[in-house]
Amino acid sequence: MKKAFEKLEMVVCADQFFNETVQHADIVLPVTTAFEEWNVDASYWHYWLSINQPAIKPMYEAKCDLEIATMLSRTINKMAPGSCTFPQEFDHKRWLDQEFNDGMAKMFGISSWDDLLDGPKKANLPSSAAWYDRKFKTPSGKYEFKSELAEKNGHTALPEYKPEAESKLPFHLFTPHVQFGLHSQFINLDWMQVFYPEPFVYIHPSSAQKKGISENDLVKVFNGTGEVELRAKVTTNVPEDFLVMYEAWFPKRQYNVQNVVADTPADMGLMKTGAPGAAIHSQFADVVLIGKGESVA
């Protein structure tokens, strides 16, 4: 990633915090928070739709991403008329109007997004169960045990057991979400860092003993993709042939699980997302002791 940034003539970053990406930027544009802008909020975890009203005016020169994009479009079109098709004018309420359609209005029982000013609305769904109508996004509209679509994409039409990937490295490597953050978000908050001040690799006691590793030892996790230095946590919560490292961003620490995640393509990622995707659950690594009871600075 650093090499890619170095090849660019100029890097412009729009963000709310001084994170790792900002460190590589030539120009940093401050972005507003949810406390400074209008929005409509849905959720992964419930069926309610609510409105977000600005509590304060944007601080200093901070602007929302969409406003920055419209300003950029306007400037580009002044320099080269017609070269950018992105809208050149910005108004929160007009953009929200464009996002709503008849289907959304019917689902939430509202005529416009500003009806949400009276209170949140719950989606009107016959059932909360997945596929309650028994309609599936398959060619037949049914649940398919035999899939011609899979066959057309180079796979077997019927489910077939495939042995797990093999590796000369001794450990499976899992990189799940951290509990006290979301990808690179929230880890920069002081009160979050109290719970999770630095990254660890979790290893089973039996495996740790074979490697001469004890609790809080400084270790190196490595594979053909790269390496990461961090401290070890010895726990029976991890199987003997597994290493676990949480994916997150830690301020002022050279830590990135992507350094040891190979870009092995997923078998049907192209079909679902338009890109192969990475087989993140088919990763392998090894670990060696670097120092006793030291911390990564």
Protein backbone atom coordinates (compact mmCIF):
# COMPACT_ATOMS: atom_id res chain seq x y z
CA MET A 1 0.00 0.00 0.00
CA LYS A 2 2.82 2.41 0.86
CA LYS A 3 4.47 1.73 -2.51
CA ALA A 4 1.17 2.46 -4.26
CA PHE A 5 0.87 5.82 -2.48
CA GLU A 6 4.45 6.69 -3.43
CA LYS A 7 3.64 6.24 -7.13
CA LEU A 8 0.89 8.86 -7.03
CA GLU A 9 1.66 12.48 -7.88
CA MET A 10 -0.71 13.74 -5.21
CA VAL A 11 -2.90 12.13 -2.54
CA VAL A 12 -5.99 13.90 -1.19
CA CYS A 13 -7.72 12.42 1.84
CA ALA A 14 -11.15 13.39 3.20
CA ASP A 15 -11.57 12.15 6.76
CA GLN A 16 -12.67 12.96 10.30
CA PHE A 17 -9.53 11.74 12.07
CA PHE A 18 -5.78 11.68 11.57
CA ASN A 19 -5.51 7.99 10.78
CA GLU A 20 -2.95 5.97 8.81
CA THR A 21 -4.34 7.07 5.43
CA VAL A 22 -3.99 10.72 6.39
CA GLN A 23 -0.30 10.13 7.12
CA HIS A 24 0.23 9.49 3.39
CA ALA A 25 -1.85 12.42 2.11
CA ASP A 26 -0.58 15.67 0.60
CA ILE A 27 -3.89 17.43 1.27
CA VAL A 28 -6.37 16.59 4.04
CA LEU A 29 -9.99 17.74 3.79
CA PRO A 30 -11.91 17.72 7.11
CA VAL A 31 -15.25 15.87 6.97
CA THR A 32 -18.27 16.55 9.13
CA THR A 33 -19.58 14.10 11.71
CA ALA A 34 -23.16 12.89 12.14
CA PHE A 35 -23.64 15.73 14.65
CA GLU A 36 -23.26 18.31 11.87
CA GLU A 37 -25.42 17.05 9.00
CA TRP A 38 -28.83 15.83 7.92
CA ASN A 39 -29.27 12.14 7.14
CA VAL A 40 -31.68 9.23 7.32
CA ASP A 41 -30.44 6.27 9.33
CA ALA A 42 -31.24 2.62 8.78
CA SER A 43 -29.56 -0.27 10.59
CA TYR A 44 -28.25 -3.80 10.15
CA TRP A 45 -29.72 -4.78 13.51
CA HIS A 46 -33.34 -3.60 13.57
CA TYR A 47 -36.23 -2.59 11.29
CA TRP A 48 -36.54 1.07 12.23
CA LEU A 49 -35.82 4.12 10.08
CA SER A 50 -34.99 7.43 11.78
CA ILE A 51 -33.80 10.89 10.91
CA ASN A 52 -30.49 12.43 11.89
CA GLN A 53 -30.71 16.16 12.54
CA PRO A 54 -27.60 18.34 12.88
CA ALA A 55 -27.00 19.29 16.50
CA ILE A 56 -24.40 21.92 15.62
CA LYS A 57 -23.20 23.76 12.53
CA PRO A 58 -20.15 22.26 10.77
CA MET A 59 -16.99 23.09 12.66
CA TYR A 60 -14.55 25.43 10.90
CA GLU A 61 -14.17 24.34 7.24
CA ALA A 62 -15.49 20.78 7.65
CA LYS A 63 -17.92 19.62 4.96
CA CYS A 64 -19.73 16.35 4.27
CA ASP A 65 -18.39 13.98 1.62
CA LEU A 66 -21.17 14.79 -0.86
CA GLU A 67 -20.61 18.53 -0.60
CA ILE A 68 -16.89 18.04 -1.17
CA ALA A 69 -17.67 15.93 -4.24
CA THR A 70 -20.04 18.55 -5.71
CA MET A 71 -17.49 21.32 -5.13
CA LEU A 72 -14.84 19.24 -6.85
CA SER A 73 -17.19 18.55 -9.77
CA ARG A 74 -17.97 22.25 -10.09
CA THR A 75 -14.29 23.19 -10.15
CA ILE A 76 -13.38 20.48 -12.66
CA ASN A 77 -16.17 21.58 -15.00
CA LYS A 78 -14.97 25.17 -14.85
CA MET A 79 -11.56 23.98 -16.00
CA ALA A 80 -12.92 21.53 -18.58
CA PRO A 81 -16.65 22.04 -19.23
CA GLY A 82 -18.63 18.80 -19.39
CA SER A 83 -15.74 16.64 -18.18
CA CYS A 84 -17.44 15.60 -14.92
CA THR A 85 -21.05 14.36 -14.79
CA PHE A 86 -21.34 14.39 -10.99
CA PRO A 87 -23.85 17.00 -9.70
CA GLN A 88 -22.36 20.43 -9.05
CA GLU A 89 -24.85 21.75 -6.50
CA PHE A 90 -25.44 20.43 -3.01
CA ASP A 91 -28.47 20.60 -0.74
CA HIS A 92 -29.01 18.01 1.99
CA LYS A 93 -32.78 18.00 1.70
CA ARG A 94 -32.82 17.75 -2.10
CA TRP A 95 -30.43 14.80 -1.98
CA LEU A 96 -32.62 13.07 0.60
CA ASP A 97 -35.66 13.65 -1.63
CA GLN A 98 -33.86 11.87 -4.46
CA GLU A 99 -33.00 8.89 -2.26
CA PHE A 100 -36.62 8.15 -1.38
CA ASN A 101 -38.94 6.21 -3.70
CA ASP A 102 -42.46 4.79 -3.63
CA GLY A 103 -41.23 1.42 -2.37
CA MET A 104 -39.56 2.97 0.68
CA ALA A 105 -42.57 5.17 1.39
CA LYS A 106 -44.88 2.15 1.31
CA MET A 107 -42.58 0.01 3.46
CA PHE A 108 -42.35 2.63 6.22
CA GLY A 109 -45.79 4.20 5.87
CA ILE A 110 -44.57 7.71 5.12
CA SER A 111 -44.95 10.11 2.22
CA SER A 112 -41.56 11.80 2.60
CA TRP A 113 -38.39 11.52 4.63
CA ASP A 114 -39.32 14.58 6.69
CA ASP A 115 -42.25 12.60 8.14
CA LEU A 116 -39.53 11.03 10.27
CA LEU A 117 -39.29 14.32 12.17
CA ASP A 118 -42.38 13.09 14.06
CA GLY A 119 -40.50 9.97 15.16
CA PRO A 120 -38.85 6.83 13.77
CA LYS A 121 -40.85 4.41 11.63
CA LYS A 122 -40.71 0.63 11.59
CA ALA A 123 -40.61 -1.28 8.31
CA ASN A 124 -43.92 -2.91 7.44
CA LEU A 125 -42.81 -6.49 6.77
CA PRO A 126 -45.10 -9.55 6.81
CA SER A 127 -42.39 -11.48 8.63
CA SER A 128 -38.92 -10.92 10.03
CA ALA A 129 -37.83 -14.38 8.86
CA ALA A 130 -35.45 -14.58 5.92
CA TRP A 131 -37.13 -15.73 2.69
CA TYR A 132 -40.54 -15.78 4.36
CA ASP A 133 -42.11 -15.57 0.88
CA ARG A 134 -40.02 -18.55 -0.29
CA LYS A 135 -38.69 -16.55 -3.21
CA PHE A 136 -34.98 -16.92 -3.87
CA LYS A 137 -32.69 -15.00 -6.22
CA THR A 138 -32.00 -18.06 -8.35
CA PRO A 139 -32.93 -18.68 -12.01
CA SER A 140 -35.83 -20.89 -10.87
CA GLY A 141 -36.85 -18.71 -7.93
CA LYS A 142 -36.55 -21.78 -5.72
CA TYR A 143 -33.93 -23.12 -3.33
CA GLU A 144 -31.63 -25.04 -5.67
CA PHE A 145 -29.74 -28.15 -4.61
CA LYS A 146 -28.53 -28.47 -8.20
CA SER A 147 -27.32 -25.16 -9.57
CA GLU A 148 -26.80 -24.62 -13.27
CA LEU A 149 -25.58 -21.13 -12.42
CA ALA A 150 -22.74 -22.59 -10.34
CA GLU A 151 -21.90 -24.96 -13.18
CA LYS A 152 -21.73 -22.07 -15.66
CA ASN A 153 -19.24 -20.38 -13.35
CA GLY A 154 -16.85 -23.32 -13.38
CA HIS A 155 -18.13 -25.18 -10.30
CA THR A 156 -20.01 -28.41 -9.84
CA ALA A 157 -23.79 -28.23 -10.18
CA LEU A 158 -24.25 -30.35 -7.05
CA PRO A 159 -22.60 -29.66 -3.66
CA GLU A 160 -19.28 -31.42 -3.45
CA TYR A 161 -16.93 -31.76 -0.50
CA LYS A 162 -13.60 -30.08 -1.09
CA PRO A 163 -10.73 -30.69 1.34
CA GLU A 164 -9.44 -27.58 3.06
CA ALA A 165 -6.45 -25.83 1.55
CA GLU A 166 -3.09 -27.31 2.46
CA SER A 167 -0.03 -25.39 3.55
CA LYS A 168 3.52 -26.08 4.67
CA LEU A 169 2.96 -23.55 7.46
CA PRO A 170 1.81 -25.05 10.79
CA PHE A 171 -1.03 -22.70 11.76
CA HIS A 172 -4.36 -21.59 10.35
CA LEU A 173 -4.59 -17.81 10.68
CA PHE A 174 -7.90 -16.17 11.59
CA THR A 175 -8.32 -12.37 11.50
CA PRO A 176 -11.83 -11.62 12.90
CA HIS A 177 -13.37 -8.26 13.79
CA VAL A 178 -12.18 -6.70 17.01
CA GLN A 179 -14.81 -6.27 19.72
CA PHE A 180 -13.92 -2.66 20.51
CA GLY A 181 -13.96 -1.23 17.01
CA LEU A 182 -15.11 -1.63 13.43
CA HIS A 183 -12.29 -2.20 10.96
CA SER A 184 -10.20 0.96 11.45
CA GLN A 185 -13.00 2.92 13.14
CA PHE A 186 -13.27 3.86 16.84
CA ILE A 187 -9.86 2.41 17.80
CA ASN A 188 -8.53 5.97 17.88
CA LEU A 189 -10.89 6.88 20.75
CA ASP A 190 -9.10 7.14 24.09
CA TRP A 191 -11.80 5.32 26.05
CA MET A 192 -11.76 2.46 23.53
CA GLN A 193 -7.99 2.13 23.87
CA VAL A 194 -8.44 1.52 27.59
CA PHE A 195 -10.12 -1.81 26.75
CA TYR A 196 -7.77 -2.77 23.91
CA PRO A 197 -4.55 -0.73 24.12
CA GLU A 198 -2.47 -2.86 21.75
CA PRO A 199 -2.83 -5.84 19.41
CA PHE A 200 -2.08 -9.44 20.36
CA VAL A 201 -1.80 -12.79 18.65
CA TYR A 202 -3.71 -15.50 20.51
CA ILE A 203 -2.07 -18.92 20.68
CA HIS A 204 -2.90 -22.21 22.44
CA PRO A 205 -0.73 -23.11 25.50
CA SER A 206 0.52 -26.33 23.90
CA SER A 207 1.59 -24.54 20.72
CA ALA A 208 3.12 -21.71 22.72
CA GLN A 209 5.19 -24.16 24.76
CA LYS A 210 6.54 -25.83 21.61
CA LYS A 211 7.55 -22.43 20.28
CA GLY A 212 9.06 -21.28 23.59
CA ILE A 213 6.47 -18.50 23.85
CA SER A 214 5.01 -17.19 27.11
CA GLU A 215 2.32 -14.63 27.92
CA ASN A 216 3.20 -11.10 26.67
CA ASP A 217 6.30 -12.23 24.80
CA LEU A 218 7.14 -10.30 21.66
CA VAL A 219 6.68 -12.54 18.62
CA LYS A 220 6.69 -12.37 14.85
CA VAL A 221 3.79 -13.83 12.86
CA PHE A 222 4.82 -14.43 9.26
CA ASN A 223 4.05 -16.18 5.98
CA GLY A 224 4.81 -15.75 2.29
CA THR A 225 2.83 -12.51 2.19
CA GLY A 226 4.56 -10.61 4.98
CA GLU A 227 5.04 -10.36 8.72
CA VAL A 228 3.72 -8.62 11.84
CA GLU A 229 5.41 -8.08 15.20
CA LEU A 230 3.22 -8.02 18.30
CA ARG A 231 2.80 -9.57 21.74
CA ALA A 232 1.36 -13.01 22.48
CA LYS A 233 -1.66 -13.99 24.54
CA VAL A 234 -1.72 -17.65 25.59
CA THR A 235 -5.26 -19.04 25.81
CA THR A 236 -7.20 -22.28 25.49
CA ASN A 237 -9.87 -20.38 23.55
CA VAL A 238 -7.78 -20.98 20.44
CA PRO A 239 -7.29 -24.47 18.90
CA GLU A 240 -3.75 -25.83 18.90
CA ASP A 241 -3.31 -25.38 15.15
CA PHE A 242 -4.71 -21.83 15.02
CA LEU A 243 -3.43 -18.29 15.50
CA VAL A 244 -5.92 -15.45 15.96
CA MET A 245 -5.15 -11.79 15.29
CA TYR A 246 -7.93 -9.21 15.37
CA GLU A 247 -8.16 -6.85 12.43
CA ALA A 248 -8.03 -3.25 13.60
CA TRP A 249 -5.98 -0.06 13.43
CA PHE A 250 -3.84 1.00 16.37
CA PRO A 251 -2.57 4.60 16.54
CA LYS A 252 1.23 4.95 16.60
CA ARG A 253 1.75 1.20 16.05
CA GLN A 254 3.02 -0.55 12.96
CA TYR A 255 0.26 -3.14 12.97
CA ASN A 256 -1.79 -4.37 10.03
CA VAL A 257 -3.17 -7.89 9.70
CA GLN A 258 -3.30 -7.40 5.93
CA ASN A 259 0.48 -7.81 5.96
CA VAL A 260 -0.09 -11.54 6.47
CA VAL A 261 -3.33 -12.02 4.50
CA ALA A 262 -2.74 -13.45 1.03
CA ASP A 263 -5.00 -12.36 -1.84
CA THR A 264 -6.06 -15.93 -2.64
CA PRO A 265 -9.30 -15.50 -4.64
CA ALA A 266 -12.58 -16.81 -3.21
CA ASP A 267 -14.25 -19.52 -5.30
CA MET A 268 -17.46 -17.65 -6.16
CA GLY A 269 -16.66 -14.09 -5.16
CA LEU A 270 -16.79 -12.92 -8.77
CA MET A 271 -20.36 -14.18 -9.16
CA LYS A 272 -21.67 -12.45 -6.02
CA THR A 273 -19.79 -9.16 -5.97
CA GLY A 274 -18.27 -8.64 -9.41
CA ALA A 275 -14.77 -9.20 -8.00
CA PRO A 276 -13.06 -12.42 -6.87
CA GLY A 277 -12.61 -11.31 -3.27
CA ALA A 278 -10.10 -12.83 -0.85
CA ALA A 279 -10.40 -16.25 0.77
CA ILE A 280 -9.84 -14.78 4.22
CA HIS A 281 -10.61 -18.05 6.00
CA SER A 282 -7.93 -19.94 4.07
CA GLN A 283 -4.88 -18.20 5.52
CA PHE A 284 -1.82 -19.82 7.09
CA ALA A 285 1.15 -18.57 9.09
CA ASP A 286 3.93 -19.42 11.51
CA VAL A 287 5.12 -17.66 14.65
CA VAL A 288 8.55 -17.24 16.26
CA LEU A 289 9.75 -15.70 19.51
CA ILE A 290 11.56 -12.36 19.26
CA GLY A 291 11.84 -11.15 22.86
CA LYS A 292 10.67 -12.04 26.34
CA GLY A 293 7.91 -9.90 27.79
CA GLU A 294 8.54 -6.89 25.58
CA SER A 295 6.06 -4.52 23.96
CA VAL A 296 5.93 -3.25 20.40
CA ALA A 297 6.69 0.49 20.44
